[in-house]
Amino acid sequence: MVERRLSVATHWGSFVAVVDSGRLVRIEPRGDDPEPSPIGPGMVRAADDSARVLRPAVRKGWLNGLPRAHDTARGVDAFVEVSWDDAITLVSDELRRVRSQHGDSAVFGGSYGWASAGTFHNAQNQLHRFLALGGGYTDSRNTYSTAALEVILPHVIGGHPWSYQSRMPMWDEIAENCELVVAFGGLALKNSQINPGGLARHQTQDLQRRCREAGVRFVNVSPIRSDTAGFLDAQWVPIIPNTDTAAMLGIAHTMLVNGWHDENFLHRCCTGFDRFASYLTGELDGVPKDAAWAARITGLGRDTITDLARRLTTQRSLIMVNYAVQRADHGEQPIWMSVVLAAMAGSMGRPGGGWGAGYATMDATGVAPGRPSVAAVPKVPNPVPDFIPVARIADTLLHPGRTIDYDGRRLTLPELRLVYWCGGNPFHHHQDLHRLTRAWQTPDTVVVHEAWWNTTAKFADIVLPVATTLERHDFAAGFSDPHLVAMPKVREPEGESRTDHQIFAALASRLGYEQEFTQSRSEIEWVRHLYESTRAEPGGAVRGRWPG
């Protein structure tokens, strides 16, 4: 028996893969991870599950040129397996046809997606590089998780859409300086199992415990009591879903009429409070947003609202907003209002206090302000200026040419004829799946890279089997995580699976720009190059050379 132990990085954390005589036996937690996720070890079974896509497959109706009706429609039609050479020919020919007949903007480069951890094998980076070099594509902006937050915050607090992550208080600062945390949407620890791009070790639970041990009090404003850990001993304030803004307005009105608000900070550091105060008192619309008004909407008691207003202004306080509160119509309002409320409360700009978002939504949030520099595959400018807001994919497919409002401007939705999806699953996170199913029948062709026969694969025309994170060399650089994790290949790809990079390199070769795409580097040469480049950069997080 020849047993090897290799590092594995996933969105759920870092693990150790045990390989016996070349066969992956199990995946174990790392010894230095205090709260390992139970999800990671399941990758062993998933890697060779019966749902794996083993060979390139093409929808029968599309292959035969049949109209999408009845049993030839996407989602219900049968698939025919083909060779890799045939699959590459079909995809490259269809890209040529769509670009020549309808223009480069008719190609949609998927939306963002979690795919699997890995800096080089980032599915979206590979896809966008390939499509940009081929002439361009229609892109998407923002995320399903935080779109309202991403768009509104630059107008409210400045900076780029995610810069608040580095400016809001970190957990250790909260433990040292904060007295009261009011969490709208809670702080569910189950969500902190994950971190986009990878994670060296989980720290959120331990840091929350330190806050409680330091005397920080927590208030959970959520419909769900369990949205905070039991050890926080949080006060539960059950609220009717999607009424957070009304609750915040009632708290703000109580602050204002009692003179509890930080008038000095509002005068020195904010603009527009006079107009907001007129709205709050009802001067603009005849409706005072007082505690009684808020109580009728939110289900909170008037005394609860008054008590929160008093405590927020008499203690060093931090208002936290979970991403969930903005995933609704007018989702920018609770984000905007939470910043206003924090500005009124008097702790904004003080250590451990003020405002923050997404705590416990991902493990690295609030753990570190950012990560050191990490080298990545060079981006290629997209020659096509067209884009759509990420959640408007169904609107775009159903109503090309329609004009919509977005971030203070008017956008015309392009006509998409070819959808190329790589590293994501729109049927997992889109709002109205029945509507998306109808919209998905409209483009000429849908190409998907996928490891398993999930819904997105079943609704495609051409499915290309892609290797999992266990089946390729890479290294992980998680969002805001200061550590990097080497990811040597621990098993051979299942069936005829290839990596995204291999697929795009083959397509680029057929389309005449392989050299530009690969820059004459093999995959392992790219991984070593990026790993060593990160090590050489000022502040780079890598220690030691690429293993092996």
Protein backbone atom coordinates (compact mmCIF):
# COMPACT_ATOMS: atom_id res chain seq x y z
CA MET A 1 0.00 0.00 0.00
CA VAL A 2 1.35 3.41 -1.02
CA GLU A 3 -0.66 6.09 0.76
CA ARG A 4 -0.29 9.77 -0.12
CA ARG A 5 -1.88 12.74 1.63
CA LEU A 6 -2.54 15.75 -0.61
CA SER A 7 -4.07 19.15 0.09
CA VAL A 8 -7.50 19.93 -1.37
CA ALA A 9 -9.13 23.35 -1.39
CA THR A 10 -12.88 23.87 -1.82
CA HIS A 11 -15.41 26.62 -1.23
CA TRP A 12 -16.22 24.77 2.04
CA GLY A 13 -12.66 24.88 3.31
CA SER A 14 -9.38 23.03 2.95
CA PHE A 15 -9.06 19.29 3.42
CA VAL A 16 -6.59 16.43 3.08
CA ALA A 17 -7.16 13.87 0.33
CA VAL A 18 -5.94 10.36 1.15
CA VAL A 19 -4.82 8.51 -1.98
CA ASP A 20 -3.99 4.80 -1.79
CA SER A 21 -2.07 3.34 -4.75
CA GLY A 22 -3.44 6.03 -7.03
CA ARG A 23 -7.06 5.70 -5.84
CA LEU A 24 -8.80 8.45 -3.86
CA VAL A 25 -9.95 6.78 -0.65
CA ARG A 26 -11.32 9.60 1.49
CA ILE A 27 -11.13 13.30 2.28
CA GLU A 28 -10.37 14.37 5.85
CA PRO A 29 -10.48 17.73 7.66
CA ARG A 30 -7.21 19.54 8.15
CA GLY A 31 -5.85 19.35 11.65
CA ASP A 32 -5.58 23.13 11.98
CA ASP A 33 -9.21 23.86 10.96
CA PRO A 34 -11.20 24.45 14.18
CA GLU A 35 -14.62 24.14 12.49
CA PRO A 36 -14.32 21.99 9.34
CA SER A 37 -17.40 21.73 7.15
CA PRO A 38 -18.99 18.27 6.86
CA ILE A 39 -19.66 18.91 3.16
CA GLY A 40 -16.11 18.54 1.84
CA PRO A 41 -15.68 14.78 2.41
CA GLY A 42 -18.72 14.19 0.21
CA MET A 43 -16.63 15.10 -2.84
CA VAL A 44 -15.24 11.55 -2.92
CA ARG A 45 -18.67 10.08 -3.65
CA ALA A 46 -19.65 12.96 -5.96
CA ALA A 47 -16.51 12.58 -8.09
CA ASP A 48 -17.62 9.23 -9.53
CA ASP A 49 -21.36 9.55 -8.99
CA SER A 50 -23.73 8.13 -11.61
CA ALA A 51 -24.76 11.74 -12.43
CA ARG A 52 -21.28 12.58 -13.81
CA VAL A 53 -21.16 13.76 -17.43
CA LEU A 54 -18.74 11.24 -18.92
CA ARG A 55 -18.54 12.18 -22.60
CA PRO A 56 -19.50 15.14 -24.83
CA ALA A 57 -23.23 15.04 -25.50
CA VAL A 58 -25.51 16.89 -27.91
CA ARG A 59 -29.27 17.31 -27.66
CA LYS A 60 -30.90 15.08 -30.25
CA GLY A 61 -33.31 17.68 -31.61
CA TRP A 62 -30.57 20.30 -31.99
CA LEU A 63 -28.25 17.81 -33.70
CA ASN A 64 -31.00 16.92 -36.18
CA GLY A 65 -32.02 20.53 -36.77
CA LEU A 66 -35.54 20.02 -35.39
CA PRO A 67 -37.65 22.91 -34.05
CA ARG A 68 -37.88 23.17 -30.27
CA ALA A 69 -41.39 21.83 -29.75
CA HIS A 70 -42.91 19.08 -27.64
CA ASP A 71 -40.39 16.29 -27.09
CA THR A 72 -37.51 18.11 -28.86
CA ALA A 73 -37.54 21.06 -26.43
CA ARG A 74 -34.64 21.86 -24.15
CA GLY A 75 -35.05 20.17 -20.80
CA VAL A 76 -37.02 17.16 -22.09
CA ASP A 77 -35.13 16.07 -25.20
CA ALA A 78 -32.69 13.14 -25.25
CA PHE A 79 -28.92 13.52 -25.71
CA VAL A 80 -26.55 11.79 -28.11
CA GLU A 81 -22.92 11.22 -27.10
CA VAL A 82 -20.32 12.35 -29.64
CA SER A 83 -16.52 12.37 -29.88
CA TRP A 84 -14.50 15.28 -28.61
CA ASP A 85 -13.45 16.14 -32.15
CA ASP A 86 -17.08 16.33 -33.26
CA ALA A 87 -18.03 18.38 -30.21
CA ILE A 88 -15.23 20.90 -30.79
CA THR A 89 -16.27 21.17 -34.45
CA LEU A 90 -19.92 21.76 -33.56
CA VAL A 91 -19.15 24.47 -31.00
CA SER A 92 -16.54 26.29 -33.11
CA ASP A 93 -18.75 26.21 -36.23
CA GLU A 94 -21.71 27.58 -34.27
CA LEU A 95 -19.62 30.38 -32.77
CA ARG A 96 -18.48 31.35 -36.27
CA ARG A 97 -22.03 31.28 -37.62
CA VAL A 98 -23.57 33.36 -34.84
CA ARG A 99 -20.79 35.96 -34.90
CA SER A 100 -20.92 36.32 -38.69
CA GLN A 101 -24.72 36.47 -38.94
CA HIS A 102 -25.68 38.33 -35.77
CA GLY A 103 -22.54 40.02 -34.42
CA ASP A 104 -20.35 39.39 -31.41
CA SER A 105 -22.90 40.81 -28.96
CA ALA A 106 -25.21 37.88 -29.83
CA VAL A 107 -22.87 35.63 -27.80
CA PHE A 108 -23.59 35.65 -24.07
CA GLY A 109 -20.67 34.70 -21.81
CA GLY A 110 -22.68 33.27 -18.94
CA SER A 111 -23.05 34.94 -15.58
CA TYR A 112 -20.79 34.55 -12.60
CA GLY A 113 -20.72 31.16 -10.94
CA TRP A 114 -19.08 29.41 -8.03
CA ALA A 115 -17.81 26.53 -10.19
CA SER A 116 -15.01 25.01 -8.08
CA ALA A 117 -12.11 26.52 -6.23
CA GLY A 118 -8.89 27.31 -8.07
CA THR A 119 -7.09 30.43 -9.23
CA PHE A 120 -6.01 29.27 -12.67
CA HIS A 121 -9.02 27.06 -13.34
CA ASN A 122 -11.49 29.84 -12.59
CA ALA A 123 -14.25 28.91 -15.02
CA GLN A 124 -15.44 32.44 -15.71
CA ASN A 125 -11.94 33.83 -16.23
CA GLN A 126 -11.22 31.08 -18.75
CA LEU A 127 -14.54 31.59 -20.57
CA HIS A 128 -14.26 35.37 -20.77
CA ARG A 129 -10.65 35.22 -21.95
CA PHE A 130 -11.63 32.77 -24.69
CA LEU A 131 -14.67 34.77 -25.86
CA ALA A 132 -12.90 38.15 -25.71
CA LEU A 133 -10.04 36.89 -27.86
CA GLY A 134 -12.60 35.57 -30.35
CA GLY A 135 -14.24 38.96 -30.91
CA GLY A 136 -16.13 39.73 -27.71
CA TYR A 137 -19.38 38.84 -26.01
CA THR A 138 -22.27 40.25 -23.99
CA ASP A 139 -21.31 40.18 -20.33
CA SER A 140 -23.32 40.35 -17.11
CA ARG A 141 -22.88 42.58 -14.08
CA ASN A 142 -23.35 42.09 -10.36
CA THR A 143 -24.47 38.94 -8.55
CA TYR A 144 -27.76 37.37 -7.54
CA SER A 145 -26.57 37.46 -3.93
CA THR A 146 -25.74 41.14 -3.55
CA ALA A 147 -26.85 43.06 -6.67
CA ALA A 148 -28.83 45.75 -4.83
CA LEU A 149 -25.98 46.27 -2.38
CA GLU A 150 -23.36 46.44 -5.15
CA VAL A 151 -25.26 49.11 -7.08
CA ILE A 152 -26.46 51.38 -4.25
CA LEU A 153 -23.42 51.52 -1.95
CA PRO A 154 -21.05 53.40 -4.28
CA HIS A 155 -23.66 56.20 -4.32
CA VAL A 156 -24.14 56.16 -0.54
CA ILE A 157 -20.67 55.57 0.97
CA GLY A 158 -18.42 55.80 -2.12
CA GLY A 159 -15.80 53.35 -3.29
CA HIS A 160 -16.23 50.37 -5.57
CA PRO A 161 -19.11 47.89 -4.99
CA TRP A 162 -17.11 45.63 -2.66
CA SER A 163 -14.81 48.15 -0.97
CA TYR A 164 -17.00 48.21 2.14
CA GLN A 165 -15.56 44.76 2.95
CA SER A 166 -12.20 46.30 3.83
CA ARG A 167 -13.64 49.34 5.62
CA MET A 168 -16.19 47.79 7.96
CA PRO A 169 -15.08 46.58 11.42
CA MET A 170 -13.39 43.18 11.62
CA TRP A 171 -14.46 40.67 14.28
CA ASP A 172 -11.42 41.26 16.48
CA GLU A 173 -12.12 45.01 16.42
CA ILE A 174 -15.75 44.34 17.36
CA ALA A 175 -14.68 42.18 20.30
CA GLU A 176 -12.34 44.87 21.58
CA ASN A 177 -14.52 47.96 21.14
CA CYS A 178 -18.18 47.22 20.42
CA GLU A 179 -20.96 46.92 23.01
CA LEU A 180 -24.03 46.19 20.90
CA VAL A 181 -24.52 44.40 17.56
CA VAL A 182 -27.91 44.63 15.88
CA ALA A 183 -28.01 42.12 13.03
CA PHE A 184 -30.77 42.56 10.47
CA GLY A 185 -31.15 39.16 8.83
CA GLY A 186 -29.18 37.41 11.53
CA LEU A 187 -25.75 35.78 11.57
CA ALA A 188 -26.42 32.16 10.63
CA LEU A 189 -23.19 30.24 11.21
CA LYS A 190 -24.17 27.55 8.69
CA ASN A 191 -23.48 30.09 5.92
CA SER A 192 -19.93 30.68 7.11
CA GLN A 193 -18.93 27.17 6.01
CA ILE A 194 -18.19 28.64 2.58
CA ASN A 195 -15.86 31.19 1.06
CA PRO A 196 -15.64 31.98 -2.67
CA GLY A 197 -12.43 30.67 -4.17
CA GLY A 198 -11.36 28.61 -1.19
CA LEU A 199 -10.53 28.86 2.49
CA ALA A 200 -7.55 27.77 4.55
CA ARG A 201 -9.41 27.39 7.85
CA HIS A 202 -12.71 28.48 9.35
CA GLN A 203 -12.53 31.27 11.92
CA THR A 204 -15.96 32.93 12.14
CA GLN A 205 -17.37 30.78 14.94
CA ASP A 206 -14.33 31.26 17.16
CA LEU A 207 -14.33 35.02 16.52
CA GLN A 208 -18.02 35.30 17.37
CA ARG A 209 -17.37 33.46 20.62
CA ARG A 210 -14.63 35.93 21.49
CA CYS A 211 -17.05 38.81 20.92
CA ARG A 212 -19.57 37.32 23.31
CA GLU A 213 -16.90 36.52 25.89
CA ALA A 214 -15.75 40.14 25.66
CA GLY A 215 -19.25 41.29 26.64
CA VAL A 216 -20.68 42.27 23.26
CA ARG A 217 -24.47 41.93 23.24
CA PHE A 218 -26.28 40.73 20.10
CA VAL A 219 -29.77 41.40 18.75
CA ASN A 220 -31.11 39.12 16.01
CA VAL A 221 -33.70 40.96 13.89
CA SER A 222 -34.95 38.07 11.78
CA PRO A 223 -38.01 35.88 11.25
CA ILE A 224 -35.85 32.92 12.33
CA ARG A 225 -34.61 32.52 15.92
CA SER A 226 -31.76 30.20 14.87
CA ASP A 227 -30.22 32.87 12.62
CA THR A 228 -27.72 33.44 15.44
CA ALA A 229 -25.69 30.83 17.30
CA GLY A 230 -26.98 29.80 20.71
CA PHE A 231 -23.73 30.75 22.43
CA LEU A 232 -24.29 34.42 21.48
CA ASP A 233 -27.34 34.52 23.78
CA ALA A 234 -28.84 36.99 21.31
CA GLN A 235 -32.10 38.83 21.87
CA TRP A 236 -34.49 37.62 19.19
CA VAL A 237 -36.62 40.28 17.55
CA PRO A 238 -38.96 38.38 15.19
CA ILE A 239 -39.85 40.53 12.21
CA ILE A 240 -42.19 40.02 9.27
CA PRO A 241 -40.04 39.18 6.20
CA ASN A 242 -39.14 42.09 3.89
CA THR A 243 -40.10 44.78 6.41
CA ASP A 244 -36.57 45.61 7.62
CA THR A 245 -36.64 49.08 6.05
CA ALA A 246 -39.83 49.98 7.91
CA ALA A 247 -38.28 48.81 11.19
CA MET A 248 -35.19 50.93 10.57
CA LEU A 249 -37.35 53.96 9.74
CA GLY A 250 -39.27 53.54 12.99
CA ILE A 251 -36.02 53.33 14.94
CA ALA A 252 -34.64 56.38 13.12
CA HIS A 253 -37.81 58.41 13.80
CA THR A 254 -37.55 57.55 17.49
CA MET A 255 -33.92 58.69 17.53
CA LEU A 256 -34.80 61.94 15.81
CA VAL A 257 -37.80 63.05 17.87
CA ASN A 258 -35.98 62.27 21.12
CA GLY A 259 -32.83 64.07 20.06
CA TRP A 260 -30.76 60.91 20.43
CA HIS A 261 -29.20 61.06 16.95
CA ASP A 262 -25.59 62.17 16.34
CA GLU A 263 -26.28 65.60 14.87
CA ASN A 264 -22.60 66.55 14.81
CA PHE A 265 -21.62 63.54 12.65
CA LEU A 266 -24.58 64.05 10.33
CA HIS A 267 -23.59 67.70 9.83
CA ARG A 268 -19.86 67.06 9.34
CA CYS A 269 -19.83 63.82 7.38
CA CYS A 270 -23.15 63.41 5.57
CA THR A 271 -25.26 65.20 3.01
CA GLY A 272 -29.02 65.04 2.51
CA PHE A 273 -30.11 64.43 6.11
CA ASP A 274 -32.41 67.46 6.16
CA ARG A 275 -34.45 66.06 3.29
CA PHE A 276 -34.49 62.61 4.87
CA ALA A 277 -35.65 64.07 8.20
CA SER A 278 -38.55 65.76 6.39
CA TYR A 279 -39.56 62.39 4.98
CA LEU A 280 -39.12 60.70 8.36
CA THR A 281 -41.39 63.14 10.20
CA GLY A 282 -44.04 63.06 7.47
CA GLU A 283 -43.46 66.62 6.32
CA LEU A 284 -43.07 65.42 2.70
CA ASP A 285 -45.92 62.92 2.48
CA GLY A 286 -48.03 63.42 5.60
CA VAL A 287 -47.05 60.04 7.09
CA PRO A 288 -44.76 60.12 10.14
CA LYS A 289 -42.56 57.01 10.17
CA ASP A 290 -42.84 56.68 13.93
CA ALA A 291 -42.67 53.57 16.08
CA ALA A 292 -46.42 52.98 15.89
CA TRP A 293 -46.33 53.15 12.08
CA ALA A 294 -43.38 50.73 11.95
CA ALA A 295 -45.00 48.36 14.45
CA ARG A 296 -48.09 47.92 12.26
CA ILE A 297 -45.92 46.94 9.25
CA THR A 298 -43.19 44.86 10.89
CA GLY A 299 -44.96 43.04 13.70
CA LEU A 300 -42.47 44.51 16.20
CA GLY A 301 -43.74 46.10 19.39
CA ARG A 302 -43.49 49.89 19.79
CA ASP A 303 -41.50 49.38 22.99
CA THR A 304 -39.04 47.11 21.15
CA ILE A 305 -38.47 49.76 18.48
CA THR A 306 -37.97 52.47 21.11
CA ASP A 307 -35.59 50.27 23.11
CA LEU A 308 -33.45 49.55 20.02
CA ALA A 309 -33.27 53.27 19.24
CA ARG A 310 -32.13 54.05 22.77
CA ARG A 311 -29.55 51.26 22.96
CA LEU A 312 -28.09 51.99 19.51
CA THR A 313 -27.44 55.62 20.47
CA THR A 314 -26.23 55.12 24.06
CA GLN A 315 -23.75 52.29 23.39
CA ARG A 316 -20.91 51.71 20.94
CA SER A 317 -23.05 49.95 18.36
CA LEU A 318 -22.69 48.15 15.05
CA ILE A 319 -25.52 47.65 12.58
CA MET A 320 -25.04 44.51 10.52
CA VAL A 321 -27.09 43.70 7.43
CA ASN A 322 -27.24 40.23 5.98
CA TYR A 323 -27.35 39.82 2.22
CA ALA A 324 -30.78 38.20 2.49
CA VAL A 325 -32.55 41.47 3.31
CA GLN A 326 -31.77 42.96 -0.12
CA ARG A 327 -32.89 39.97 -2.19
CA ALA A 328 -36.32 41.40 -2.89
CA ASP A 329 -38.06 44.10 -4.87
CA HIS A 330 -36.54 47.49 -3.97
CA GLY A 331 -33.74 45.59 -2.28
CA GLU A 332 -31.53 48.68 -2.25
CA GLN A 333 -33.74 50.30 0.39
CA PRO A 334 -32.75 48.25 3.49
CA ILE A 335 -29.08 48.63 2.56
CA TRP A 336 -29.36 52.38 2.08
CA MET A 337 -31.49 52.80 5.20
CA SER A 338 -29.14 50.73 7.35
CA VAL A 339 -26.28 53.08 6.48
CA VAL A 340 -28.47 56.08 7.36
CA LEU A 341 -29.42 54.48 10.67
CA ALA A 342 -25.78 53.78 11.52
CA ALA A 343 -24.86 57.38 10.70
CA MET A 344 -27.58 58.60 13.05
CA ALA A 345 -26.64 56.21 15.87
CA GLY A 346 -23.31 57.86 16.65
CA SER A 347 -20.82 55.01 16.26
CA MET A 348 -19.96 55.46 12.60
CA GLY A 349 -16.21 55.81 12.15
CA ARG A 350 -15.43 54.68 15.67
CA PRO A 351 -13.48 51.43 16.28
CA GLY A 352 -15.74 48.40 16.28
CA GLY A 353 -18.88 50.39 15.49
CA GLY A 354 -20.92 51.80 12.64
CA TRP A 355 -22.06 49.60 9.77
CA GLY A 356 -21.19 46.38 7.96
CA ALA A 357 -22.73 43.77 5.70
CA GLY A 358 -22.43 40.06 5.06
CA TYR A 359 -20.93 38.98 8.39
CA ALA A 360 -21.11 35.15 8.65
CA THR A 361 -22.40 34.99 5.07
CA MET A 362 -18.89 33.91 4.05
CA ASP A 363 -16.23 32.89 6.50
CA ALA A 364 -13.60 35.44 5.48
CA THR A 365 -16.00 38.39 5.85
CA GLY A 366 -14.95 40.31 8.93
CA VAL A 367 -11.92 38.06 9.45
CA ALA A 368 -9.45 40.03 7.36
CA PRO A 369 -9.82 43.29 5.40
CA GLY A 370 -8.41 41.67 2.27
CA ARG A 371 -5.89 39.23 0.92
CA PRO A 372 -2.38 39.85 -0.41
CA SER A 373 -1.83 40.23 -4.13
CA VAL A 374 -2.46 37.10 -6.18
CA ALA A 375 -1.37 36.59 -9.77
CA ALA A 376 -4.11 35.54 -12.17
CA VAL A 377 -4.55 34.69 -15.82
CA PRO A 378 -4.23 37.99 -17.73
CA LYS A 379 -7.59 39.47 -18.59
CA VAL A 380 -8.41 40.40 -22.16
CA PRO A 381 -10.49 43.57 -22.76
CA ASN A 382 -13.95 42.72 -24.08
CA PRO A 383 -14.47 44.47 -27.45
CA VAL A 384 -18.26 44.35 -26.93
CA PRO A 385 -19.60 47.10 -24.63
CA ASP A 386 -23.01 45.46 -24.13
CA PHE A 387 -23.90 43.94 -20.79
CA ILE A 388 -26.97 43.00 -18.80
CA PRO A 389 -27.66 43.04 -15.06
CA VAL A 390 -27.14 39.46 -13.98
CA ALA A 391 -30.72 38.75 -12.92
CA ARG A 392 -32.18 40.09 -16.21
CA ILE A 393 -31.19 37.05 -18.28
CA ALA A 394 -34.80 35.88 -18.69
CA ASP A 395 -35.92 39.40 -19.64
CA THR A 396 -33.14 39.62 -22.21
CA LEU A 397 -33.96 36.29 -23.82
CA LEU A 398 -37.70 37.00 -23.90
CA HIS A 399 -37.63 40.69 -24.83
CA PRO A 400 -34.53 41.66 -26.86
CA GLY A 401 -34.56 45.34 -27.73
CA ARG A 402 -36.51 46.33 -24.62
CA THR A 403 -35.09 49.28 -22.66
CA ILE A 404 -34.64 48.99 -18.89
CA ASP A 405 -33.43 51.20 -16.04
CA TYR A 406 -30.11 50.31 -14.42
CA ASP A 407 -28.00 52.35 -12.02
CA GLY A 408 -29.18 55.73 -13.29
CA ARG A 409 -28.99 54.89 -16.97
CA ARG A 410 -31.06 53.25 -19.69
CA LEU A 411 -29.95 49.92 -21.16
CA THR A 412 -31.20 48.23 -24.30
CA LEU A 413 -31.32 44.47 -23.90
CA PRO A 414 -29.33 42.76 -26.70
CA GLU A 415 -30.54 39.84 -28.79
CA LEU A 416 -28.70 36.74 -27.60
CA ARG A 417 -28.44 33.87 -30.09
CA LEU A 418 -25.77 31.73 -28.40
CA VAL A 419 -25.50 31.22 -24.64
CA TYR A 420 -22.19 29.83 -23.39
CA TRP A 421 -22.43 28.87 -19.72
CA CYS A 422 -19.40 27.79 -17.76
CA GLY A 423 -19.02 27.44 -14.00
CA GLY A 424 -22.51 28.36 -12.86
CA ASN A 425 -26.08 27.13 -12.64
CA PRO A 426 -28.79 29.70 -13.45
CA PHE A 427 -31.50 27.16 -12.67
CA HIS A 428 -30.21 27.11 -9.11
CA HIS A 429 -30.34 30.81 -8.31
CA HIS A 430 -32.71 32.58 -10.72
CA GLN A 431 -35.86 34.05 -9.17
CA ASP A 432 -38.65 32.67 -11.40
CA LEU A 433 -37.62 29.28 -12.74
CA HIS A 434 -40.82 28.76 -14.76
CA ARG A 435 -40.14 32.00 -16.60
CA LEU A 436 -36.48 31.12 -17.06
CA THR A 437 -37.51 27.76 -18.52
CA ARG A 438 -39.63 29.54 -21.13
CA ALA A 439 -36.87 32.06 -21.86
CA TRP A 440 -34.28 29.29 -22.21
CA GLN A 441 -36.02 28.00 -25.34
CA THR A 442 -35.34 31.21 -27.31
CA PRO A 443 -31.59 31.25 -28.20
CA ASP A 444 -30.33 29.25 -31.17
CA THR A 445 -27.77 27.34 -29.14
CA VAL A 446 -26.82 26.76 -25.50
CA VAL A 447 -23.35 25.38 -24.72
CA VAL A 448 -22.56 24.24 -21.18
CA HIS A 449 -19.43 22.94 -19.45
CA GLU A 450 -20.57 20.72 -16.59
CA ALA A 451 -19.33 17.85 -14.44
CA TRP A 452 -22.78 16.53 -13.50
CA TRP A 453 -26.15 16.21 -15.22
CA ASN A 454 -27.76 19.06 -13.32
CA THR A 455 -30.61 21.22 -14.63
CA THR A 456 -28.37 23.56 -16.61
CA ALA A 457 -26.78 20.63 -18.42
CA LYS A 458 -30.17 19.07 -19.17
CA PHE A 459 -31.37 22.39 -20.64
CA ALA A 460 -28.34 22.73 -22.93
CA ASP A 461 -27.79 21.77 -26.57
CA ILE A 462 -24.13 20.85 -26.24
CA VAL A 463 -22.71 19.56 -22.94
CA LEU A 464 -18.95 19.27 -22.53
CA PRO A 465 -17.78 17.17 -19.55
CA VAL A 466 -15.46 19.15 -17.30
CA ALA A 467 -13.00 17.96 -14.68
CA THR A 468 -13.63 18.69 -11.02
CA THR A 469 -11.29 20.43 -8.62
CA LEU A 470 -9.95 17.01 -7.56
CA GLU A 471 -8.90 16.22 -11.12
CA ARG A 472 -6.50 19.04 -11.95
CA HIS A 473 -3.55 21.03 -10.62
CA ASP A 474 -4.19 24.48 -9.16
CA PHE A 475 -3.98 26.63 -6.06
CA ALA A 476 -6.74 28.40 -4.16
CA ALA A 477 -6.91 32.08 -3.29
CA GLY A 478 -10.13 32.64 -1.40
CA PHE A 479 -12.07 35.87 -1.19
CA SER A 480 -10.49 38.05 1.51
CA ASP A 481 -8.56 35.03 2.82
CA PRO A 482 -4.90 35.90 3.40
CA HIS A 483 -3.78 32.28 2.91
CA LEU A 484 -3.19 30.35 -0.29
CA VAL A 485 -3.57 26.59 -0.60
CA ALA A 486 -1.79 24.33 -3.11
CA MET A 487 -4.13 21.94 -4.96
CA PRO A 488 -2.24 19.10 -6.66
CA LYS A 489 -4.34 16.70 -8.73
CA VAL A 490 -5.51 13.82 -6.52
CA ARG A 491 -7.26 11.63 -9.11
CA GLU A 492 -7.60 11.22 -12.85
CA PRO A 493 -10.59 12.86 -14.59
CA GLU A 494 -13.72 10.75 -14.70
CA GLY A 495 -14.71 9.44 -18.13
CA GLU A 496 -13.52 11.76 -20.91
CA SER A 497 -13.64 14.91 -18.77
CA ARG A 498 -11.29 17.76 -19.64
CA THR A 499 -10.52 20.98 -17.84
CA ASP A 500 -12.14 24.23 -18.99
CA HIS A 501 -8.72 25.42 -20.14
CA GLN A 502 -8.17 22.33 -22.28
CA ILE A 503 -11.59 22.75 -23.88
CA PHE A 504 -11.07 26.42 -24.67
CA ALA A 505 -7.54 25.77 -25.96
CA ALA A 506 -8.96 23.19 -28.39
CA LEU A 507 -11.68 25.59 -29.51
CA ALA A 508 -9.20 28.46 -29.86
CA SER A 509 -7.00 26.21 -32.00
CA ARG A 510 -9.93 25.40 -34.29
CA LEU A 511 -10.82 29.10 -34.48
CA GLY A 512 -7.27 30.24 -35.14
CA TYR A 513 -6.08 31.90 -31.93
CA GLU A 514 -4.65 29.13 -29.75
CA GLN A 515 -1.32 30.96 -29.33
CA GLU A 516 -3.05 34.07 -28.00
CA PHE A 517 -5.15 32.00 -25.59
CA THR A 518 -2.49 29.67 -24.16
CA GLN A 519 0.57 31.92 -24.57
CA SER A 520 2.41 28.65 -25.32
CA ARG A 521 2.07 27.44 -21.73
CA SER A 522 0.69 24.09 -20.66
CA GLU A 523 -1.71 23.96 -17.71
CA ILE A 524 0.92 22.97 -15.17
CA GLU A 525 3.25 25.65 -16.53
CA TRP A 526 0.46 28.22 -16.03
CA VAL A 527 -0.15 27.04 -12.47
CA ARG A 528 3.54 27.14 -11.55
CA HIS A 529 3.96 30.52 -13.25
CA LEU A 530 1.05 32.09 -11.35
CA TYR A 531 2.09 30.46 -8.08
CA GLU A 532 5.66 31.73 -8.34
CA SER A 533 4.49 35.15 -9.59
CA THR A 534 2.32 35.52 -6.51
CA ARG A 535 5.26 34.50 -4.34
CA ALA A 536 7.39 37.21 -5.95
CA GLU A 537 4.83 40.03 -5.64
CA PRO A 538 5.12 42.51 -2.74
CA GLY A 539 2.86 41.19 -0.02
CA GLY A 540 2.36 37.90 -1.85
CA ALA A 541 0.94 35.18 0.37
CA VAL A 542 2.76 32.15 -1.01
CA ARG A 543 5.54 30.60 1.02
CA GLY A 544 7.76 28.03 -0.67
CA ARG A 545 7.77 26.77 -4.22
CA TRP A 546 5.07 24.89 -6.04
CA PRO A 547 5.06 21.33 -4.62
CA GLY A 548 6.36 18.78 -7.08
